[in-house]
């Protein structure tokens, strides 16, 4: 049951690419270690002072904002018997009452002065494992579908740590982030499921392209 009218920001965070060390002294450049802020401008390119290191797989207009559910932290803490740090998943907004099962791709929300639209599920990468030194986490996120999700910015504006979140418009197709994640990660040959996701008008262009290619391959018999 959707409960998004009670959505609340628990943390607002930004961060620029930096060098981090992991494993046996290996290094990488990443912006996953975001820091709490009280107020920041959200533009169509993302939050001011926020960035990504891997521009091929992260960032861009369809992936300007990353949202993750606070509820999942308790799940992962119990799953791994540890306490994860805040913004463990590199999200900009840690929120409550906005689970993947309850958020539809194409939903439009006002967050503070800004307006955003959900575009896709977040595709986890090994940076999460490296940052937390928890190699099983990436696979567990994919298996559970607890990936978080990304948004495009429809209207720019200031977002504060205590800003309200308001559902402006529900996606008419009502395809949840969790459903799209399931089709993408676990049902690659589900033609009906792929078509259902592709038909969502608000879907990120990159997801539409690769799912369309998958569909063409399946339907052409190749």
C-alpha atoms as a PDB file:
ATOM      1  CA  UNK A   1       0.000   0.000   0.000  1.00  0.00           C
ATOM      2  CA  UNK A   2       1.368   3.373  -1.000  1.00  0.00           C
ATOM      3  CA  UNK A   3       2.032   5.659   1.939  1.00  0.00           C
ATOM      4  CA  UNK A   4       3.940   8.410   0.180  1.00  0.00           C
ATOM      5  CA  UNK A   5       1.837  11.174   1.706  1.00  0.00           C
ATOM      6  CA  UNK A   6       3.839  10.516   4.877  1.00  0.00           C
ATOM      7  CA  UNK A   7       7.246  10.667   3.158  1.00  0.00           C
ATOM      8  CA  UNK A   8       9.926  12.473   5.160  1.00  0.00           C
ATOM      9  CA  UNK A   9      13.523  13.433   4.419  1.00  0.00           C
ATOM     10  CA  UNK A  10      15.885  11.832   6.924  1.00  0.00           C
ATOM     11  CA  UNK A  11      19.123  13.030   5.348  1.00  0.00           C
ATOM     12  CA  UNK A  12      20.138  15.413   2.576  1.00  0.00           C
ATOM     13  CA  UNK A  13      23.654  14.856   1.271  1.00  0.00           C
ATOM     14  CA  UNK A  14      26.025  15.854  -1.523  1.00  0.00           C
ATOM     15  CA  UNK A  15      29.610  15.087  -2.432  1.00  0.00           C
ATOM     16  CA  UNK A  16      32.219  15.521  -5.152  1.00  0.00           C
ATOM     17  CA  UNK A  17      34.566  12.833  -6.501  1.00  0.00           C
ATOM     18  CA  UNK A  18      37.501  12.002  -4.235  1.00  0.00           C
ATOM     19  CA  UNK A  19      40.151   9.314  -3.944  1.00  0.00           C
ATOM     20  CA  UNK A  20      39.335   6.507  -1.532  1.00  0.00           C
ATOM     21  CA  UNK A  21      41.344   3.462  -0.493  1.00  0.00           C
ATOM     22  CA  UNK A  22      39.833  -0.014  -0.233  1.00  0.00           C
ATOM     23  CA  UNK A  23      40.881  -3.632  -0.026  1.00  0.00           C
ATOM     24  CA  UNK A  24      44.636  -4.100   0.055  1.00  0.00           C
ATOM     25  CA  UNK A  25      45.516  -0.468  -0.468  1.00  0.00           C
ATOM     26  CA  UNK A  26      43.785  -0.157  -3.830  1.00  0.00           C
ATOM     27  CA  UNK A  27      42.497   3.268  -4.828  1.00  0.00           C
ATOM     28  CA  UNK A  28      39.587   4.622  -6.816  1.00  0.00           C
ATOM     29  CA  UNK A  29      37.924   7.956  -7.543  1.00  0.00           C
ATOM     30  CA  UNK A  30      34.296   8.123  -6.442  1.00  0.00           C
ATOM     31  CA  UNK A  31      31.682  10.523  -5.087  1.00  0.00           C
ATOM     32  CA  UNK A  32      29.872   7.868  -3.053  1.00  0.00           C
ATOM     33  CA  UNK A  33      30.893   9.308   0.337  1.00  0.00           C
ATOM     34  CA  UNK A  34      28.377  12.135   0.471  1.00  0.00           C
ATOM     35  CA  UNK A  35      28.082  14.506   3.418  1.00  0.00           C
ATOM     36  CA  UNK A  36      25.037  15.945   5.157  1.00  0.00           C
ATOM     37  CA  UNK A  37      23.985  19.504   4.273  1.00  0.00           C
ATOM     38  CA  UNK A  38      21.174  21.683   5.561  1.00  0.00           C
ATOM     39  CA  UNK A  39      20.321  23.426   2.295  1.00  0.00           C
ATOM     40  CA  UNK A  40      21.315  23.136  -1.362  1.00  0.00           C
ATOM     41  CA  UNK A  41      20.134  24.186  -4.809  1.00  0.00           C
ATOM     42  CA  UNK A  42      18.801  21.405  -7.010  1.00  0.00           C
ATOM     43  CA  UNK A  43      19.302  22.167 -10.705  1.00  0.00           C
ATOM     44  CA  UNK A  44      18.493  20.038 -13.731  1.00  0.00           C
ATOM     45  CA  UNK A  45      22.030  18.648 -13.606  1.00  0.00           C
ATOM     46  CA  UNK A  46      21.713  17.684  -9.950  1.00  0.00           C
ATOM     47  CA  UNK A  47      22.466  19.206  -6.570  1.00  0.00           C
ATOM     48  CA  UNK A  48      24.952  22.059  -6.495  1.00  0.00           C
ATOM     49  CA  UNK A  49      28.217  20.737  -5.094  1.00  0.00           C
ATOM     50  CA  UNK A  50      27.352  17.148  -5.995  1.00  0.00           C
ATOM     51  CA  UNK A  51      28.999  15.086  -8.697  1.00  0.00           C
ATOM     52  CA  UNK A  52      29.939  11.687 -10.079  1.00  0.00           C
ATOM     53  CA  UNK A  53      33.249  10.163 -11.096  1.00  0.00           C
ATOM     54  CA  UNK A  54      31.969   7.647 -13.664  1.00  0.00           C
ATOM     55  CA  UNK A  55      29.917   9.825 -16.013  1.00  0.00           C
ATOM     56  CA  UNK A  56      29.170   6.866 -18.316  1.00  0.00           C
ATOM     57  CA  UNK A  57      27.187   4.983 -15.698  1.00  0.00           C
ATOM     58  CA  UNK A  58      26.129   7.765 -13.315  1.00  0.00           C
ATOM     59  CA  UNK A  59      24.713  11.268 -13.508  1.00  0.00           C
ATOM     60  CA  UNK A  60      23.037  13.054 -16.399  1.00  0.00           C
ATOM     61  CA  UNK A  61      19.565  14.624 -16.623  1.00  0.00           C
ATOM     62  CA  UNK A  62      17.693  11.335 -16.084  1.00  0.00           C
ATOM     63  CA  UNK A  63      19.871  10.468 -13.077  1.00  0.00           C
ATOM     64  CA  UNK A  64      20.197  13.832 -11.386  1.00  0.00           C
ATOM     65  CA  UNK A  65      18.949  12.743  -7.944  1.00  0.00           C
ATOM     66  CA  UNK A  66      19.468   9.480  -6.059  1.00  0.00           C
ATOM     67  CA  UNK A  67      16.921   8.472  -3.410  1.00  0.00           C
ATOM     68  CA  UNK A  68      17.196   5.607  -0.925  1.00  0.00           C
ATOM     69  CA  UNK A  69      14.786   4.379   1.741  1.00  0.00           C
ATOM     70  CA  UNK A  70      15.723   4.726   5.379  1.00  0.00           C
ATOM     71  CA  UNK A  71      13.742   1.573   6.135  1.00  0.00           C
ATOM     72  CA  UNK A  72      16.270  -0.522   4.223  1.00  0.00           C
ATOM     73  CA  UNK A  73      19.070   0.443   6.598  1.00  0.00           C
ATOM     74  CA  UNK A  74      17.484  -1.622   9.372  1.00  0.00           C
ATOM     75  CA  UNK A  75      17.158  -4.535   6.947  1.00  0.00           C
ATOM     76  CA  UNK A  76      20.809  -4.383   5.890  1.00  0.00           C
ATOM     77  CA  UNK A  77      22.050  -3.825   9.441  1.00  0.00           C
ATOM     78  CA  UNK A  78      20.274  -7.009  10.489  1.00  0.00           C
ATOM     79  CA  UNK A  79      21.291  -8.882   7.312  1.00  0.00           C
ATOM     80  CA  UNK A  80      25.000  -8.179   7.810  1.00  0.00           C
ATOM     81  CA  UNK A  81      24.934  -7.805  11.611  1.00  0.00           C
ATOM     82  CA  UNK A  82      26.517  -4.366  11.518  1.00  0.00           C
ATOM     83  CA  UNK A  83      25.570  -0.690  11.494  1.00  0.00           C
ATOM     84  CA  UNK A  84      25.900   1.019   8.140  1.00  0.00           C
ATOM     85  CA  UNK A  85      27.017   4.667   8.031  1.00  0.00           C
ATOM     86  CA  UNK A  86      24.646   7.352   6.795  1.00  0.00           C
ATOM     87  CA  UNK A  87      24.478   7.760   2.996  1.00  0.00           C
ATOM     88  CA  UNK A  88      26.030   4.300   2.745  1.00  0.00           C
ATOM     89  CA  UNK A  89      24.597   3.920  -0.737  1.00  0.00           C
ATOM     90  CA  UNK A  90      25.732   7.291  -2.035  1.00  0.00           C
ATOM     91  CA  UNK A  91      22.212   8.669  -2.066  1.00  0.00           C
ATOM     92  CA  UNK A  92      21.346  12.370  -2.043  1.00  0.00           C
ATOM     93  CA  UNK A  93      18.101  11.874  -0.169  1.00  0.00           C
ATOM     94  CA  UNK A  94      17.493   9.276   2.498  1.00  0.00           C
ATOM     95  CA  UNK A  95      13.723   9.125   2.989  1.00  0.00           C
ATOM     96  CA  UNK A  96      10.957   7.220   4.734  1.00  0.00           C
ATOM     97  CA  UNK A  97       7.694   5.882   3.262  1.00  0.00           C
ATOM     98  CA  UNK A  98       9.014   5.820  -0.303  1.00  0.00           C
ATOM     99  CA  UNK A  99       9.861   2.146  -0.844  1.00  0.00           C
ATOM    100  CA  UNK A 100      10.591   0.770  -4.322  1.00  0.00           C
ATOM    101  CA  UNK A 101       7.359  -1.250  -4.234  1.00  0.00           C
ATOM    102  CA  UNK A 102       5.331   1.916  -3.614  1.00  0.00           C
ATOM    103  CA  UNK A 103       7.032   4.330  -6.013  1.00  0.00           C
ATOM    104  CA  UNK A 104       6.049   4.267  -9.680  1.00  0.00           C
ATOM    105  CA  UNK A 105       8.410   5.197 -12.481  1.00  0.00           C
ATOM    106  CA  UNK A 106       7.033   8.510 -13.731  1.00  0.00           C
ATOM    107  CA  UNK A 107       5.750   9.668 -10.328  1.00  0.00           C
ATOM    108  CA  UNK A 108       6.284  13.399  -9.826  1.00  0.00           C
ATOM    109  CA  UNK A 109       7.173  14.830  -6.423  1.00  0.00           C
ATOM    110  CA  UNK A 110       7.756  18.323  -5.091  1.00  0.00           C
ATOM    111  CA  UNK A 111      10.686  18.319  -2.685  1.00  0.00           C
ATOM    112  CA  UNK A 112      11.149  21.713  -1.118  1.00  0.00           C
ATOM    113  CA  UNK A 113      11.073  24.197  -3.997  1.00  0.00           C
ATOM    114  CA  UNK A 114      12.127  21.628  -6.600  1.00  0.00           C
ATOM    115  CA  UNK A 115      10.021  19.175  -8.602  1.00  0.00           C
ATOM    116  CA  UNK A 116      11.421  15.787  -9.637  1.00  0.00           C
ATOM    117  CA  UNK A 117      10.214  12.770 -11.587  1.00  0.00           C
ATOM    118  CA  UNK A 118      11.237   9.174 -10.875  1.00  0.00           C
ATOM    119  CA  UNK A 119      12.943   7.726 -13.960  1.00  0.00           C
ATOM    120  CA  UNK A 120      14.500   4.349 -13.106  1.00  0.00           C
ATOM    121  CA  UNK A 121      15.730   2.040 -10.417  1.00  0.00           C
ATOM    122  CA  UNK A 122      19.284   2.622  -9.352  1.00  0.00           C
ATOM    123  CA  UNK A 123      21.675   0.041 -10.847  1.00  0.00           C
ATOM    124  CA  UNK A 124      24.134  -0.855  -8.068  1.00  0.00           C
ATOM    125  CA  UNK A 125      27.821  -1.030  -8.881  1.00  0.00           C
ATOM    126  CA  UNK A 126      30.848  -2.483  -7.091  1.00  0.00           C
ATOM    127  CA  UNK A 127      31.732   0.943  -5.683  1.00  0.00           C
ATOM    128  CA  UNK A 128      29.212   0.202  -2.925  1.00  0.00           C
ATOM    129  CA  UNK A 129      31.018  -3.014  -2.001  1.00  0.00           C
ATOM    130  CA  UNK A 130      34.407  -1.311  -2.116  1.00  0.00           C
ATOM    131  CA  UNK A 131      33.354   1.663  -0.029  1.00  0.00           C
ATOM    132  CA  UNK A 132      31.832  -0.495   2.705  1.00  0.00           C
ATOM    133  CA  UNK A 133      34.232  -3.436   2.369  1.00  0.00           C
ATOM    134  CA  UNK A 134      31.123  -5.636   2.003  1.00  0.00           C
ATOM    135  CA  UNK A 135      31.469  -7.618  -1.200  1.00  0.00           C
ATOM    136  CA  UNK A 136      28.132  -9.501  -0.822  1.00  0.00           C
ATOM    137  CA  UNK A 137      26.128  -6.251  -0.609  1.00  0.00           C
ATOM    138  CA  UNK A 138      25.930  -5.585  -4.345  1.00  0.00           C
ATOM    139  CA  UNK A 139      24.496  -9.031  -5.087  1.00  0.00           C
ATOM    140  CA  UNK A 140      22.129  -8.774  -2.133  1.00  0.00           C
ATOM    141  CA  UNK A 141      20.805  -5.418  -3.368  1.00  0.00           C
ATOM    142  CA  UNK A 142      20.130  -6.843  -6.822  1.00  0.00           C
ATOM    143  CA  UNK A 143      18.456  -9.929  -5.353  1.00  0.00           C
ATOM    144  CA  UNK A 144      16.199  -7.911  -3.029  1.00  0.00           C
ATOM    145  CA  UNK A 145      15.432  -5.062  -5.415  1.00  0.00           C
ATOM    146  CA  UNK A 146      16.271  -2.612  -2.622  1.00  0.00           C
ATOM    147  CA  UNK A 147      18.355  -0.488  -4.961  1.00  0.00           C
ATOM    148  CA  UNK A 148      16.930   2.973  -4.494  1.00  0.00           C
ATOM    149  CA  UNK A 149      15.976   4.979  -7.567  1.00  0.00           C
ATOM    150  CA  UNK A 150      16.891   7.998  -9.650  1.00  0.00           C
ATOM    151  CA  UNK A 151      15.045  11.118 -10.749  1.00  0.00           C
ATOM    152  CA  UNK A 152      15.133  13.894 -13.333  1.00  0.00           C
ATOM    153  CA  UNK A 153      14.534  17.491 -12.281  1.00  0.00           C
ATOM    154  CA  UNK A 154      11.455  19.162 -13.769  1.00  0.00           C
ATOM    155  CA  UNK A 155      11.694  22.385 -11.765  1.00  0.00           C
ATOM    156  CA  UNK A 156      14.818  23.710 -10.084  1.00  0.00           C
ATOM    157  CA  UNK A 157      14.802  25.043  -6.548  1.00  0.00           C
ATOM    158  CA  UNK A 158      16.191  24.972  -3.039  1.00  0.00           C
ATOM    159  CA  UNK A 159      15.922  21.757  -1.042  1.00  0.00           C
ATOM    160  CA  UNK A 160      16.439  21.786   2.724  1.00  0.00           C
ATOM    161  CA  UNK A 161      17.060  18.974   5.150  1.00  0.00           C
ATOM    162  CA  UNK A 162      13.611  19.582   6.629  1.00  0.00           C
ATOM    163  CA  UNK A 163      11.787  20.189   3.333  1.00  0.00           C
ATOM    164  CA  UNK A 164       8.457  18.476   2.823  1.00  0.00           C
ATOM    165  CA  UNK A 165       7.874  15.878   0.124  1.00  0.00           C
ATOM    166  CA  UNK A 166       4.584  16.044  -1.758  1.00  0.00           C
ATOM    167  CA  UNK A 167       3.253  13.738  -4.463  1.00  0.00           C
ATOM    168  CA  UNK A 168       2.284  16.015  -7.350  1.00  0.00           C
ATOM    169  CA  UNK A 169       1.194  13.430  -9.910  1.00  0.00           C
ATOM    170  CA  UNK A 170       0.981   9.645  -9.996  1.00  0.00           C
ATOM    171  CA  UNK A 171       2.352   7.878 -13.018  1.00  0.00           C
ATOM    172  CA  UNK A 172      -0.634   6.678 -15.068  1.00  0.00           C
ATOM    173  CA  UNK A 173       1.122   3.430 -16.006  1.00  0.00           C
ATOM    174  CA  UNK A 174       1.685   2.491 -12.337  1.00  0.00           C
ATOM    175  CA  UNK A 175       4.824   0.421 -12.905  1.00  0.00           C
ATOM    176  CA  UNK A 176       6.701   0.321  -9.612  1.00  0.00           C
ATOM    177  CA  UNK A 177      10.443   0.679  -9.304  1.00  0.00           C
ATOM    178  CA  UNK A 178      10.516  -2.786  -7.715  1.00  0.00           C
ATOM    179  CA  UNK A 179       8.645  -4.301 -10.678  1.00  0.00           C
ATOM    180  CA  UNK A 180      11.032  -2.678 -13.155  1.00  0.00           C
ATOM    181  CA  UNK A 181      14.003  -3.906 -11.109  1.00  0.00           C
ATOM    182  CA  UNK A 182      12.582  -7.429 -11.112  1.00  0.00           C
ATOM    183  CA  UNK A 183      12.118  -7.429 -14.880  1.00  0.00           C
ATOM    184  CA  UNK A 184      15.540  -5.947 -15.491  1.00  0.00           C
ATOM    185  CA  UNK A 185      17.575  -8.112 -13.124  1.00  0.00           C
ATOM    186  CA  UNK A 186      15.618 -11.359 -12.810  1.00  0.00           C
ATOM    187  CA  UNK A 187      13.273 -11.768 -15.776  1.00  0.00           C
ATOM    188  CA  UNK A 188      15.360 -10.849 -18.838  1.00  0.00           C
ATOM    189  CA  UNK A 189      13.151 -12.944 -21.155  1.00  0.00           C
ATOM    190  CA  UNK A 190       9.811 -11.605 -19.873  1.00  0.00           C
ATOM    191  CA  UNK A 191       8.506  -9.993 -23.057  1.00  0.00           C
ATOM    192  CA  UNK A 192       5.259  -8.758 -21.483  1.00  0.00           C
ATOM    193  CA  UNK A 193       7.153  -7.335 -18.508  1.00  0.00           C
ATOM    194  CA  UNK A 194       9.687  -5.572 -20.700  1.00  0.00           C
ATOM    195  CA  UNK A 195       6.916  -4.057 -22.815  1.00  0.00           C
ATOM    196  CA  UNK A 196       5.116  -2.890 -19.686  1.00  0.00           C
ATOM    197  CA  UNK A 197       8.237  -1.061 -18.469  1.00  0.00           C
ATOM    198  CA  UNK A 198       9.060   0.420 -21.874  1.00  0.00           C
ATOM    199  CA  UNK A 199       5.550   1.857 -22.173  1.00  0.00           C
ATOM    200  CA  UNK A 200       6.106   4.105 -19.140  1.00  0.00           C
ATOM    201  CA  UNK A 201       6.386   7.620 -20.531  1.00  0.00           C
ATOM    202  CA  UNK A 202       8.621   8.855 -17.709  1.00  0.00           C
ATOM    203  CA  UNK A 203      11.182   6.042 -18.069  1.00  0.00           C
ATOM    204  CA  UNK A 204      14.841   7.074 -18.367  1.00  0.00           C
ATOM    205  CA  UNK A 205      15.974   7.086 -21.992  1.00  0.00           C
ATOM    206  CA  UNK A 206      18.898   4.739 -21.305  1.00  0.00           C
ATOM    207  CA  UNK A 207      16.630   2.119 -19.753  1.00  0.00           C
ATOM    208  CA  UNK A 208      14.223   2.456 -22.668  1.00  0.00           C
ATOM    209  CA  UNK A 209      17.070   1.899 -25.132  1.00  0.00           C
ATOM    210  CA  UNK A 210      18.581  -1.202 -23.555  1.00  0.00           C
ATOM    211  CA  UNK A 211      15.207  -2.763 -22.758  1.00  0.00           C
ATOM    212  CA  UNK A 212      14.076  -2.098 -26.327  1.00  0.00           C
ATOM    213  CA  UNK A 213      17.204  -3.825 -27.644  1.00  0.00           C
ATOM    214  CA  UNK A 214      16.491  -6.762 -25.335  1.00  0.00           C
ATOM    215  CA  UNK A 215      12.904  -6.912 -26.587  1.00  0.00           C
ATOM    216  CA  UNK A 216      13.958  -6.819 -30.254  1.00  0.00           C
ATOM    217  CA  UNK A 217      16.403  -9.657 -29.662  1.00  0.00           C
ATOM    218  CA  UNK A 218      13.746 -11.747 -27.913  1.00  0.00           C
ATOM    219  CA  UNK A 219      11.026 -11.165 -30.506  1.00  0.00           C
ATOM    220  CA  UNK A 220      13.300 -11.626 -33.516  1.00  0.00           C
ATOM    221  CA  UNK A 221      14.298 -15.071 -32.354  1.00  0.00           C
ATOM    222  CA  UNK A 222      18.014 -14.267 -32.242  1.00  0.00           C
END
